[in-house]
Structure formats: structure tokens, C-alpha cells
């Protein structure tokens, strides 16, 4: 069926936002090093803030949670040879966990709400901060092309799934969590990941690896990307919200935009390390 007026408006907003954000992301990825780590840190902090706010919490503990989430990608710059994070990261994380529990001691909330609040802050560290660490390591250790591969196998999946689901979608994929997702969209997304991978290989990775390896990366992303999207949808259902925020026109929040990427980037890093 044709796109109705509301879908056309939403699509126009999505495309407009992508035309602004995509070149910016590519440019900073090209720079690499500290600028890219700062971009990842800012993204982690914003997403952590969205996640914490979704569940109604903030205060000093929430601000501290945002800061720790943002510190994860930055810490990658301090890692030694062969490390993804510095060897002392576990101790810093232990100290941060102690501190966040102490901060909740002074929050004026009913005791029965404290476990949920603490859990959301800790989840923001792992989900929004830790899952972006491989992106920085991928850029530092494997180069620009591998990060672009991550982008294109993820965004290709999302784009092809959107149109395949809209025009051909009939059979629900996971209605309990995301009623609009269909198996037809999922199959279209697989094609999108493979096309994105093949395009990146032709432009940037032809001299580093084979097309078969890149398609294997794309196939993994075609599964992990939708799982990341569904996982975030489950969190939003638990929080009773439609979007994580409204900061990106047509997309909702930053977490809505990169939820699939968070699941894909560790996979791409693992593949790159395996090749090395």
C-alpha cells in the first residue's frame, strides 16, 4: 500500500534528520581518536539520560549515572596495548557502584523503589556505555572502514526493513513487544545488511578482507540489529513510553536511533579481531 500522509511526514522527518546527522557521524568517525571517543561518550551520556528518565528517576544519582556511562567510551583511549579498557576499569566500576548505592541512601524515595532505581542506573552503564566501547576500539585498532561497515550493515537493515515491512508486511514478528514488526520486514532487513556490507567492502575494505567475510558480518548484523531494536522496545513497554525522548525529529530519542547499533558493534569488533 502507498504511504499515507502521516507516514510521508514521518518519513520526511526521518530523512531530513539523517541528512544532517549521517555526514556529521561519518566526518567525526573519519577523524577518529579523541574526537570519535568524545562523540561516543556524548552519545552514551545522552542515551543513559534517556533511559534513566524513562523510568522516572534522576536526581544526583541519575546525573552520576549519566557521567559514568559517558566515561566508558573515553576510558578506551587510556587502554594499553592489546586492551579494550584499562586494567583498572573493574576497580573504578566497583567504586562507582558503591557510590551510587550511597547516593540512593540520601534520596527521599520509598525503600521499595530503591532497587528499581539502582538497577536502572547500573543498566545505563552497561547498556548505553559499555556497549559503545567496541565502537571506539574498532576505530582505534581496525580503522575507519570497519566502523563504516558497522553503520551501513545496521542502517541498511533498518531502512530496508522499514520499506519491506510497510509495503509487504503481513505476518507479525514479535507482537508482544513490537506489534508493527513483521517477518517480511525482517527478511527485507537481511537484504539491507548484505547490501550495506557489500557496498562498504567495494568502497573501503576490498584490500583488507574478502566479500564473503563482510557478508558474514552483515548476516550477523541482520539478526542482532532487530534483536537490539526489540530489546529497547521491551524496555519502553516496561516504562510505558512510546519513544525514549524527542530530540531527533522523526526518530524519537538517540536510544531509539542506535538501539540496533549497540547490539551490532560488539559483533563487528569480534569479527575484526578474529580476522586479525
Protein backbone atom coordinates (compact mmCIF):
# COMPACT_ATOMS: atom_id res chain seq x y z
CA UNK A 1 0.00 0.00 0.00
CA UNK A 2 1.09 3.57 -0.60
CA UNK A 3 2.48 5.72 2.19
CA UNK A 4 -0.32 7.73 3.80
CA UNK A 5 0.05 11.40 4.74
CA UNK A 6 1.23 10.70 8.28
CA UNK A 7 3.79 8.16 7.12
CA UNK A 8 5.03 10.56 4.43
CA UNK A 9 5.52 13.30 7.03
CA UNK A 10 7.31 10.92 9.36
CA UNK A 11 9.50 9.65 6.51
CA UNK A 12 10.38 13.22 5.52
CA UNK A 13 11.43 13.97 9.10
CA UNK A 14 13.47 10.78 9.27
CA UNK A 15 15.25 11.54 6.00
CA UNK A 16 15.88 15.16 6.99
CA UNK A 17 17.39 14.15 10.33
CA UNK A 18 19.54 11.50 8.63
CA UNK A 19 20.85 14.03 6.09
CA UNK A 20 22.09 16.17 8.98
CA UNK A 21 23.35 13.50 11.37
CA UNK A 22 24.86 10.97 8.96
CA UNK A 23 27.51 13.28 7.42
CA UNK A 24 28.41 14.52 10.90
CA UNK A 25 28.84 10.97 12.21
CA UNK A 26 30.92 9.97 9.17
CA UNK A 27 33.14 13.07 9.45
CA UNK A 28 33.91 12.51 13.13
CA UNK A 29 34.45 8.81 12.50
CA UNK A 30 36.98 9.77 9.83
CA UNK A 31 38.83 11.95 12.35
CA UNK A 32 38.97 9.03 14.80
CA UNK A 33 40.97 9.20 18.04
CA UNK A 34 39.79 11.61 20.72
CA UNK A 35 37.06 13.30 18.58
CA UNK A 36 35.40 9.95 17.88
CA UNK A 37 35.74 8.85 21.51
CA UNK A 38 34.14 12.14 22.59
CA UNK A 39 31.27 11.55 20.14
CA UNK A 40 30.74 8.06 21.57
CA UNK A 41 30.94 9.43 25.13
CA UNK A 42 28.36 12.13 24.37
CA UNK A 43 26.08 9.54 22.77
CA UNK A 44 26.43 7.22 25.77
CA UNK A 45 25.63 10.05 28.18
CA UNK A 46 22.56 11.16 26.22
CA UNK A 47 21.23 7.60 25.95
CA UNK A 48 21.85 6.96 29.64
CA UNK A 49 19.90 10.11 30.46
CA UNK A 50 17.04 8.98 28.24
CA UNK A 51 16.97 5.54 29.85
CA UNK A 52 17.03 6.87 33.41
CA UNK A 53 14.37 9.47 32.66
CA UNK A 54 12.14 6.84 31.01
CA UNK A 55 11.79 5.16 34.38
CA UNK A 56 11.10 8.37 36.24
CA UNK A 57 14.39 8.76 38.06
CA UNK A 58 17.10 11.37 38.13
CA UNK A 59 18.49 13.47 40.96
CA UNK A 60 22.17 13.31 41.89
CA UNK A 61 22.30 9.54 41.37
CA UNK A 62 20.93 9.92 37.85
CA UNK A 63 23.45 12.62 36.96
CA UNK A 64 26.22 10.41 38.30
CA UNK A 65 24.87 7.51 36.23
CA UNK A 66 24.99 9.63 33.07
CA UNK A 67 28.59 10.66 33.81
CA UNK A 68 29.74 7.07 34.34
CA UNK A 69 28.04 5.88 31.14
CA UNK A 70 29.82 8.61 29.21
CA UNK A 71 33.15 7.72 30.80
CA UNK A 72 33.15 4.18 29.36
CA UNK A 73 33.98 5.14 25.74
CA UNK A 74 36.52 7.74 26.90
CA UNK A 75 38.33 5.17 29.04
CA UNK A 76 39.11 3.25 25.86
CA UNK A 77 41.64 5.96 24.99
CA UNK A 78 43.59 5.03 28.13
CA UNK A 79 43.77 1.31 27.37
CA UNK A 80 47.18 -0.28 26.98
CA UNK A 81 48.36 -2.44 24.05
CA UNK A 82 46.01 -5.35 23.48
CA UNK A 83 43.39 -3.92 25.87
CA UNK A 84 39.90 -2.64 25.16
CA UNK A 85 39.61 -0.90 28.54
CA UNK A 86 42.34 -0.06 31.07
CA UNK A 87 43.21 -2.81 33.52
CA UNK A 88 41.95 -0.69 36.43
CA UNK A 89 38.44 -0.32 34.94
CA UNK A 90 36.98 -3.03 37.15
CA UNK A 91 38.11 -1.17 40.27
CA UNK A 92 36.64 2.12 39.00
CA UNK A 93 33.36 0.35 38.25
CA UNK A 94 33.31 -1.20 41.72
CA UNK A 95 33.84 2.22 43.28
CA UNK A 96 31.11 3.74 41.13
CA UNK A 97 28.68 1.00 42.22
CA UNK A 98 29.42 1.72 45.87
CA UNK A 99 28.92 5.43 45.32
CA UNK A 100 25.60 5.10 43.52
CA UNK A 101 24.25 2.96 46.38
CA UNK A 102 25.41 5.59 48.86
CA UNK A 103 23.70 8.32 46.82
CA UNK A 104 20.42 6.40 46.97
CA UNK A 105 20.69 6.39 50.76
CA UNK A 106 20.01 10.12 50.68
CA UNK A 107 17.22 10.10 48.12
CA UNK A 108 13.78 10.74 49.56
CA UNK A 109 12.00 7.85 47.88
CA UNK A 110 10.17 4.87 49.39
CA UNK A 111 12.61 2.00 50.12
CA UNK A 112 10.67 -0.34 47.84
CA UNK A 113 11.52 1.94 44.86
CA UNK A 114 15.26 1.94 45.51
CA UNK A 115 16.14 -1.43 43.88
CA UNK A 116 14.47 -0.37 40.64
CA UNK A 117 16.21 3.00 40.65
CA UNK A 118 19.62 1.48 41.31
CA UNK A 119 19.05 -1.18 38.64
CA UNK A 120 18.17 1.43 36.01
CA UNK A 121 21.34 3.43 36.75
CA UNK A 122 23.52 0.32 36.57
CA UNK A 123 21.75 -0.80 33.38
CA UNK A 124 22.51 2.59 31.82
CA UNK A 125 26.24 1.95 32.38
CA UNK A 126 26.21 -1.46 30.74
CA UNK A 127 23.64 -0.84 28.00
CA UNK A 128 24.44 2.74 26.99
CA UNK A 129 28.11 2.97 27.99
CA UNK A 130 29.78 -0.43 27.80
CA UNK A 131 28.16 -1.47 24.51
CA UNK A 132 29.69 1.57 22.79
CA UNK A 133 33.23 0.72 23.92
CA UNK A 134 33.83 -1.69 20.99
CA UNK A 135 32.98 1.13 18.56
CA UNK A 136 35.88 3.24 19.84
CA UNK A 137 38.20 0.22 19.93
CA UNK A 138 37.15 -0.70 16.40
CA UNK A 139 38.13 2.77 15.14
CA UNK A 140 41.40 2.83 17.10
CA UNK A 141 42.55 -0.68 16.25
CA UNK A 142 40.97 -1.52 12.89
CA UNK A 143 40.32 1.77 11.15
CA UNK A 144 37.65 3.88 9.54
CA UNK A 145 36.30 1.24 7.15
CA UNK A 146 35.24 -1.18 9.87
CA UNK A 147 33.24 1.46 11.71
CA UNK A 148 31.53 2.48 8.46
CA UNK A 149 30.78 -1.21 7.90
CA UNK A 150 29.05 -1.23 11.29
CA UNK A 151 27.00 1.80 10.31
CA UNK A 152 25.93 0.51 6.91
CA UNK A 153 25.01 -3.06 7.88
CA UNK A 154 22.89 -1.59 10.69
CA UNK A 155 21.29 1.32 8.87
CA UNK A 156 20.83 -0.74 5.71
CA UNK A 157 18.95 -3.30 7.77
CA UNK A 158 16.75 -0.61 9.34
CA UNK A 159 15.99 1.11 6.02
CA UNK A 160 15.18 -2.00 4.01
CA UNK A 161 13.14 -3.43 6.89
CA UNK A 162 11.10 -0.22 7.12
CA UNK A 163 10.06 -0.27 3.48
CA UNK A 164 9.67 -4.05 3.16
CA UNK A 165 7.53 -4.11 6.29
CA UNK A 166 5.39 -1.21 5.13
CA UNK A 167 4.72 -2.45 1.62
CA UNK A 168 4.73 -6.22 2.12
CA UNK A 169 4.35 -6.83 5.86
CA UNK A 170 1.61 -9.30 6.77
CA UNK A 171 2.97 -11.71 9.37
CA UNK A 172 3.82 -10.32 12.80
CA UNK A 173 7.36 -10.96 14.03
CA UNK A 174 7.05 -10.32 17.79
CA UNK A 175 3.66 -8.70 18.50
CA UNK A 176 4.02 -8.93 22.29
CA UNK A 177 6.88 -6.44 22.19
CA UNK A 178 6.63 -4.63 18.84
CA UNK A 179 3.29 -5.01 17.04
CA UNK A 180 4.45 -3.27 13.85
CA UNK A 181 7.42 -5.52 13.08
CA UNK A 182 6.81 -8.27 10.52
CA UNK A 183 8.67 -11.22 9.12
CA UNK A 184 8.60 -9.58 5.71
CA UNK A 185 10.35 -6.56 7.19
CA UNK A 186 12.90 -8.84 8.86
CA UNK A 187 13.69 -10.51 5.51
CA UNK A 188 14.00 -7.13 3.85
CA UNK A 189 16.37 -6.10 6.61
CA UNK A 190 18.61 -9.08 5.88
CA UNK A 191 18.93 -7.88 2.30
CA UNK A 192 19.69 -4.37 3.55
CA UNK A 193 22.51 -5.59 5.79
CA UNK A 194 24.05 -7.59 2.96
CA UNK A 195 23.81 -4.65 0.56
CA UNK A 196 25.35 -2.33 3.14
CA UNK A 197 28.18 -4.78 3.75
CA UNK A 198 28.87 -5.30 0.04
CA UNK A 199 28.90 -1.53 -0.56
CA UNK A 200 31.39 -0.95 2.28
CA UNK A 201 33.62 -3.74 1.01
CA UNK A 202 33.64 -2.32 -2.52
CA UNK A 203 34.45 1.22 -1.33
CA UNK A 204 36.66 0.75 1.75
CA UNK A 205 37.57 -2.83 2.65
CA UNK A 206 38.43 -4.54 -0.63
CA UNK A 207 42.13 -4.57 0.25
CA UNK A 208 41.62 -5.80 3.84
CA UNK A 209 39.27 -8.75 3.63
CA UNK A 210 37.05 -10.76 1.30
CA UNK A 211 33.48 -10.10 0.27
CA UNK A 212 32.46 -13.38 1.91
CA UNK A 213 33.72 -12.24 5.31
CA UNK A 214 31.92 -8.91 5.01
CA UNK A 215 28.67 -10.66 4.05
CA UNK A 216 29.10 -12.90 7.09
CA UNK A 217 29.38 -9.76 9.23
CA UNK A 218 26.25 -8.41 7.55
CA UNK A 219 24.36 -11.65 8.19
CA UNK A 220 25.14 -11.45 11.90
CA UNK A 221 24.08 -7.82 11.97
CA UNK A 222 20.80 -8.75 10.28
CA UNK A 223 19.93 -10.84 13.34
CA UNK A 224 21.49 -8.76 16.10
CA UNK A 225 20.14 -5.42 14.86
CA UNK A 226 16.46 -6.40 15.12
CA UNK A 227 17.17 -8.04 18.49
CA UNK A 228 18.61 -4.74 19.71
CA UNK A 229 15.54 -2.92 18.46
CA UNK A 230 13.22 -5.40 20.17
CA UNK A 231 15.20 -5.20 23.43
CA UNK A 232 14.78 -1.42 23.53
CA UNK A 233 11.08 -1.79 22.67
CA UNK A 234 10.72 -4.11 25.64
CA UNK A 235 12.33 -1.51 27.92
CA UNK A 236 9.99 1.19 26.59
CA UNK A 237 6.98 -1.02 27.19
CA UNK A 238 8.16 -1.57 30.74
CA UNK A 239 8.47 2.19 31.18
CA UNK A 240 5.15 2.90 29.47
CA UNK A 241 6.59 5.26 26.83
CA UNK A 242 6.49 5.32 23.03
CA UNK A 243 9.92 6.89 22.46
CA UNK A 244 12.99 7.29 24.66
CA UNK A 245 12.81 11.08 24.05
CA UNK A 246 12.00 13.53 21.25
CA UNK A 247 15.41 15.02 20.49
CA UNK A 248 15.67 13.68 16.89
CA UNK A 249 12.75 14.65 14.61
CA UNK A 250 11.17 11.57 13.04
CA UNK A 251 13.23 9.17 15.13
CA UNK A 252 12.41 9.97 18.77
CA UNK A 253 15.40 9.68 21.05
CA UNK A 254 19.02 8.83 20.40
CA UNK A 255 18.48 5.44 22.03
CA UNK A 256 15.66 4.80 19.54
CA UNK A 257 18.06 5.60 16.70
CA UNK A 258 21.08 3.50 17.76
CA UNK A 259 19.47 0.63 19.70
CA UNK A 260 20.31 -1.80 16.90
CA UNK A 261 23.85 -0.43 16.57
CA UNK A 262 24.51 -1.17 20.25
CA UNK A 263 23.96 -4.88 19.58
CA UNK A 264 25.81 -4.93 16.25
CA UNK A 265 29.07 -3.17 17.12
CA UNK A 266 30.40 -5.86 19.53
CA UNK A 267 29.78 -8.44 16.80
CA UNK A 268 31.70 -6.43 14.19
CA UNK A 269 34.57 -5.90 16.62
CA UNK A 270 34.67 -9.63 17.37
CA UNK A 271 34.82 -10.41 13.62
CA UNK A 272 37.60 -7.86 13.07
CA UNK A 273 39.60 -9.31 15.96
CA UNK A 274 39.09 -12.84 14.67
CA UNK A 275 40.48 -11.81 11.28
CA UNK A 276 43.49 -10.21 12.91
